[in-house]
Every structure is written in C-alpha cells, then in structure tokens.
N, C-alpha and C. Protein backbone atom coordinates (compact mmCIF):
# COMPACT_ATOMS: atom_id res chain seq x y z
N UNK A 1 -34.05 -32.33 -63.37
CA UNK A 1 -32.50 -31.72 -64.04
C UNK A 1 -31.94 -30.99 -62.92
N UNK A 2 -30.66 -31.07 -62.84
CA UNK A 2 -29.75 -30.32 -61.93
C UNK A 2 -28.80 -29.55 -62.62
N UNK A 3 -28.69 -28.20 -62.26
CA UNK A 3 -27.75 -27.23 -62.98
C UNK A 3 -27.06 -26.54 -61.75
N UNK A 4 -25.82 -26.47 -61.90
CA UNK A 4 -24.97 -25.87 -60.92
C UNK A 4 -23.64 -25.14 -61.60
N UNK A 5 -23.33 -23.74 -61.29
CA UNK A 5 -22.20 -23.12 -61.67
C UNK A 5 -21.07 -23.70 -60.64
N UNK A 6 -19.99 -24.00 -61.55
CA UNK A 6 -18.90 -24.15 -60.72
C UNK A 6 -17.44 -23.55 -61.38
N UNK A 7 -16.45 -23.32 -60.71
CA UNK A 7 -15.15 -22.88 -61.44
C UNK A 7 -14.31 -23.97 -61.52
N UNK A 8 -13.69 -23.97 -62.72
CA UNK A 8 -12.64 -24.92 -63.17
C UNK A 8 -11.20 -24.41 -62.42
N UNK A 9 -10.64 -25.08 -61.78
CA UNK A 9 -9.62 -24.78 -61.03
C UNK A 9 -8.13 -25.28 -61.62
N UNK A 10 -8.34 -26.19 -62.48
CA UNK A 10 -7.17 -26.75 -63.18
C UNK A 10 -6.35 -25.69 -63.88
N UNK A 11 -4.94 -25.65 -63.64
CA UNK A 11 -4.03 -24.63 -63.98
C UNK A 11 -4.15 -24.27 -65.37
N UNK A 12 -4.55 -25.15 -66.38
CA UNK A 12 -4.92 -24.91 -67.82
C UNK A 12 -6.23 -24.75 -68.17
N UNK A 13 -7.11 -25.40 -67.40
CA UNK A 13 -8.75 -25.19 -67.65
C UNK A 13 -9.01 -26.66 -68.50
N UNK A 14 -9.94 -26.57 -69.37
CA UNK A 14 -10.37 -27.80 -70.12
C UNK A 14 -9.43 -27.76 -71.47
N UNK A 15 -8.41 -28.52 -71.20
CA UNK A 15 -7.58 -28.61 -72.52
C UNK A 15 -7.68 -30.27 -72.85
N UNK A 16 -6.91 -30.81 -73.67
CA UNK A 16 -7.02 -32.10 -74.24
C UNK A 16 -7.22 -33.10 -73.36
N UNK A 17 -6.29 -33.22 -72.40
CA UNK A 17 -6.31 -34.19 -71.32
C UNK A 17 -7.40 -34.17 -70.38
N UNK A 18 -7.91 -33.04 -69.84
CA UNK A 18 -8.90 -32.87 -68.77
C UNK A 18 -10.10 -32.97 -69.54
N UNK A 19 -10.45 -32.49 -70.79
CA UNK A 19 -11.70 -32.83 -71.39
C UNK A 19 -11.76 -34.03 -71.90
N UNK A 20 -10.85 -34.85 -72.08
CA UNK A 20 -10.94 -36.39 -72.36
C UNK A 20 -11.28 -37.14 -71.14
N UNK A 21 -10.59 -36.89 -70.00
CA UNK A 21 -11.03 -37.33 -68.70
C UNK A 21 -12.55 -37.20 -68.28
N UNK A 22 -12.76 -35.77 -68.51
CA UNK A 22 -14.14 -35.58 -68.04
C UNK A 22 -15.17 -36.20 -68.84
N UNK A 23 -15.00 -36.27 -70.37
CA UNK A 23 -15.93 -36.69 -71.22
C UNK A 23 -16.11 -38.36 -70.83
N UNK A 24 -14.98 -39.09 -70.57
CA UNK A 24 -14.92 -40.50 -70.29
C UNK A 24 -15.67 -40.67 -68.92
N UNK A 25 -15.50 -39.96 -67.88
CA UNK A 25 -16.35 -40.12 -66.68
C UNK A 25 -17.78 -39.63 -66.75
N UNK A 26 -18.12 -38.63 -67.77
CA UNK A 26 -19.56 -38.40 -67.80
C UNK A 26 -20.27 -39.42 -68.54
N UNK A 27 -19.52 -40.16 -69.59
CA UNK A 27 -20.14 -41.22 -70.33
C UNK A 27 -20.38 -42.54 -69.54
N UNK A 28 -19.97 -42.38 -68.49
CA UNK A 28 -20.41 -43.68 -67.67
C UNK A 28 -21.70 -43.51 -67.18
N UNK A 29 -22.37 -42.49 -67.35
CA UNK A 29 -23.84 -42.20 -66.60
C UNK A 29 -24.86 -42.21 -67.85
N UNK A 30 -26.11 -42.78 -67.49
CA UNK A 30 -27.19 -42.77 -68.29
C UNK A 30 -27.65 -41.34 -68.74
N UNK A 31 -27.48 -40.49 -67.96
CA UNK A 31 -28.26 -39.28 -67.91
C UNK A 31 -27.69 -38.36 -69.03
N UNK A 32 -28.34 -37.51 -69.65
CA UNK A 32 -27.78 -36.41 -70.57
C UNK A 32 -27.00 -35.35 -69.53
N UNK A 33 -25.63 -34.96 -70.06
CA UNK A 33 -24.95 -34.30 -69.25
C UNK A 33 -24.45 -33.19 -70.31
N UNK A 34 -24.55 -31.88 -69.79
CA UNK A 34 -23.98 -30.80 -70.55
C UNK A 34 -23.27 -29.68 -69.88
N UNK A 35 -22.39 -29.08 -70.54
CA UNK A 35 -21.58 -27.98 -69.97
C UNK A 35 -21.94 -26.76 -70.63
N UNK A 36 -22.30 -25.81 -69.94
CA UNK A 36 -22.48 -24.38 -70.47
C UNK A 36 -21.61 -23.37 -70.20
N UNK A 37 -21.06 -22.58 -71.15
CA UNK A 37 -19.99 -21.70 -70.94
C UNK A 37 -20.15 -20.41 -72.00
N UNK A 38 -20.41 -19.23 -71.48
CA UNK A 38 -20.56 -18.12 -72.40
C UNK A 38 -21.69 -18.27 -73.33
N UNK A 39 -22.87 -18.81 -72.84
CA UNK A 39 -23.88 -18.81 -73.76
C UNK A 39 -23.90 -20.14 -74.71
N UNK A 40 -22.91 -20.84 -74.78
CA UNK A 40 -22.71 -22.12 -75.51
C UNK A 40 -22.86 -23.47 -74.63
N UNK A 41 -23.93 -24.22 -75.17
CA UNK A 41 -23.90 -25.51 -74.48
C UNK A 41 -23.68 -26.79 -75.36
N UNK A 42 -22.85 -27.78 -74.67
CA UNK A 42 -22.11 -28.62 -75.33
C UNK A 42 -22.44 -30.06 -74.54
N UNK A 43 -22.49 -31.05 -75.35
CA UNK A 43 -22.53 -32.30 -75.01
C UNK A 43 -21.28 -32.81 -73.79
N UNK A 44 -21.37 -32.91 -72.69
CA UNK A 44 -20.37 -33.24 -71.75
C UNK A 44 -19.63 -34.74 -72.02
N UNK A 45 -20.41 -35.38 -72.85
CA UNK A 45 -19.69 -36.70 -73.16
C UNK A 45 -18.96 -36.70 -74.38
N UNK A 46 -18.49 -35.54 -74.92
CA UNK A 46 -17.70 -35.41 -76.06
C UNK A 46 -16.59 -34.62 -75.95
N UNK A 47 -15.39 -35.20 -76.09
CA UNK A 47 -14.04 -34.43 -75.55
C UNK A 47 -14.01 -33.11 -76.53
N UNK A 48 -14.33 -33.42 -77.95
CA UNK A 48 -14.11 -32.28 -78.92
C UNK A 48 -15.24 -31.20 -78.44
N UNK A 49 -16.23 -31.57 -78.13
CA UNK A 49 -17.25 -30.57 -77.84
C UNK A 49 -16.81 -29.79 -76.55
N UNK A 50 -16.36 -30.30 -75.75
CA UNK A 50 -15.88 -29.72 -74.45
C UNK A 50 -14.58 -28.63 -74.78
N UNK A 51 -13.97 -29.20 -75.82
CA UNK A 51 -12.69 -28.38 -76.04
C UNK A 51 -12.96 -27.22 -76.89
N UNK A 52 -14.03 -27.20 -77.55
CA UNK A 52 -14.39 -26.00 -78.44
C UNK A 52 -14.87 -24.83 -77.54
N UNK A 53 -15.10 -25.16 -76.17
CA UNK A 53 -15.71 -24.09 -75.25
C UNK A 53 -14.47 -23.18 -75.02
N UNK A 54 -13.34 -23.64 -74.99
CA UNK A 54 -12.29 -22.58 -74.58
C UNK A 54 -12.11 -22.24 -73.33
N UNK A 55 -12.61 -23.11 -72.24
CA UNK A 55 -12.64 -22.81 -70.62
C UNK A 55 -11.06 -22.89 -70.29
N UNK A 56 -10.82 -21.81 -69.49
CA UNK A 56 -9.61 -21.57 -69.10
C UNK A 56 -9.63 -21.79 -67.63
N UNK A 57 -8.35 -21.89 -66.93
CA UNK A 57 -8.31 -21.75 -65.47
C UNK A 57 -9.18 -20.61 -64.82
N UNK A 58 -9.84 -21.00 -63.58
CA UNK A 58 -10.77 -20.04 -63.14
C UNK A 58 -12.06 -19.57 -63.66
N UNK A 59 -12.21 -20.14 -65.04
CA UNK A 59 -13.52 -19.87 -65.57
C UNK A 59 -14.59 -20.66 -64.90
N UNK A 60 -15.86 -19.86 -64.95
CA UNK A 60 -16.90 -20.56 -64.43
C UNK A 60 -17.98 -21.21 -65.49
N UNK A 61 -18.08 -22.48 -65.41
CA UNK A 61 -19.06 -23.21 -66.32
C UNK A 61 -20.29 -23.47 -65.44
N UNK A 62 -21.24 -24.07 -66.31
CA UNK A 62 -22.55 -24.51 -65.50
C UNK A 62 -22.60 -26.00 -66.01
N UNK A 63 -22.78 -26.74 -65.01
CA UNK A 63 -22.85 -28.37 -65.38
C UNK A 63 -24.34 -28.71 -65.18
N UNK A 64 -24.89 -29.49 -66.22
CA UNK A 64 -26.44 -29.64 -66.27
C UNK A 64 -26.37 -31.20 -66.43
N UNK A 65 -27.18 -31.79 -65.72
CA UNK A 65 -27.37 -33.12 -65.65
C UNK A 65 -29.05 -33.44 -65.76
N UNK A 66 -29.40 -34.29 -66.55
CA UNK A 66 -30.87 -34.59 -66.63
C UNK A 66 -31.00 -36.13 -66.87
N UNK A 67 -31.71 -36.68 -66.06
CA UNK A 67 -31.96 -38.25 -66.47
C UNK A 67 -32.12 -39.14 -64.97
N UNK A 68 -32.25 -40.26 -65.36
CA UNK A 68 -32.59 -41.20 -64.22
C UNK A 68 -31.48 -41.41 -63.04
N UNK A 69 -30.00 -41.02 -63.53
CA UNK A 69 -29.14 -40.97 -62.49
C UNK A 69 -28.58 -39.81 -62.55
N UNK A 70 -29.28 -38.68 -62.79
CA UNK A 70 -28.74 -37.17 -62.53
C UNK A 70 -27.98 -36.84 -61.35
N UNK A 71 -28.61 -37.07 -60.26
CA UNK A 71 -28.11 -36.86 -59.01
C UNK A 71 -26.63 -37.59 -58.93
N UNK A 72 -26.63 -38.78 -58.95
CA UNK A 72 -25.34 -39.55 -58.80
C UNK A 72 -24.32 -38.99 -59.81
N UNK A 73 -24.70 -38.63 -61.13
CA UNK A 73 -23.93 -38.09 -62.13
C UNK A 73 -23.34 -36.63 -61.71
N UNK A 74 -24.16 -35.87 -61.30
CA UNK A 74 -23.88 -34.48 -60.97
C UNK A 74 -22.88 -34.57 -59.74
N UNK A 75 -23.19 -35.18 -58.81
CA UNK A 75 -22.37 -35.48 -57.41
C UNK A 75 -20.86 -35.90 -58.00
N UNK A 76 -20.94 -36.87 -58.80
CA UNK A 76 -19.52 -37.61 -59.22
C UNK A 76 -18.87 -36.54 -59.98
N UNK A 77 -19.40 -35.68 -60.87
CA UNK A 77 -18.73 -34.97 -61.87
C UNK A 77 -18.36 -33.63 -61.16
N UNK A 78 -19.17 -33.10 -60.13
CA UNK A 78 -18.79 -31.88 -59.30
C UNK A 78 -17.56 -32.28 -58.48
N UNK A 79 -17.61 -33.33 -57.95
CA UNK A 79 -16.35 -33.76 -57.20
C UNK A 79 -15.06 -34.07 -58.07
N UNK A 80 -15.38 -34.39 -59.06
CA UNK A 80 -14.15 -34.82 -60.12
C UNK A 80 -13.69 -33.28 -60.31
N UNK A 81 -14.51 -32.37 -60.62
CA UNK A 81 -13.91 -31.15 -61.05
C UNK A 81 -13.08 -30.34 -59.71
N UNK A 82 -13.62 -30.64 -58.71
CA UNK A 82 -13.14 -30.02 -57.49
C UNK A 82 -11.75 -30.67 -57.19
N UNK A 83 -11.71 -31.79 -57.54
CA UNK A 83 -10.45 -32.54 -57.34
C UNK A 83 -9.49 -32.50 -58.38
N UNK A 84 -9.51 -31.55 -59.29
CA UNK A 84 -8.72 -31.16 -60.48
C UNK A 84 -8.54 -32.35 -61.45
N UNK A 85 -9.83 -33.17 -61.51
CA UNK A 85 -9.83 -34.20 -62.53
C UNK A 85 -9.02 -35.50 -61.95
N UNK A 86 -8.88 -35.72 -60.72
CA UNK A 86 -8.42 -37.19 -60.10
C UNK A 86 -9.56 -37.66 -59.46
N UNK A 87 -9.57 -38.82 -59.42
CA UNK A 87 -10.44 -39.89 -58.57
C UNK A 87 -10.30 -39.68 -57.08
C-alpha cells in the first residue's frame, strides 16, 4: 500500500469535470485506489464519490493505492494531479 498527501491545485478543485477525469484515469488500474479528505475515504474510481468530498483548490487530500500495480497507479495519478488533470 502506498499513501501520500498532495494538494489539489486546480482552481476549482474536484468538481464534475476533474472528478470524472480522475475517476476515469484511476479505473485503468487494477489496484484499489482511494482518496481521503477530512476523515472521509472514498473509492477514487467513482466520480460521484469523489465529488461528495467537496475538495476545493489548495485542499490537501491523501491518495491511497493498494494492489498489483499500485506503484504505477500512484505515480500516474500523482503526476495527473500535479499537471492539473492534463496528460
């Protein structure tokens, strides 16, 4: 299992578009992937679950990956966040 705190730099945070993009990217991996924010942990492969967190710009989330491709998933998703949800 890999866990890392990271700030969301997108000017709106995890809104419908970014949550959808992130969930789609996360779904490409076999590993379980979760986002934790303010004590709530959700499945990062679910757009709706991500949106329920209410993550705004500059909020810190914890990205958790666990499984066979956890390192690849973790690196790809951290990079995706750092690049404001652009490949």
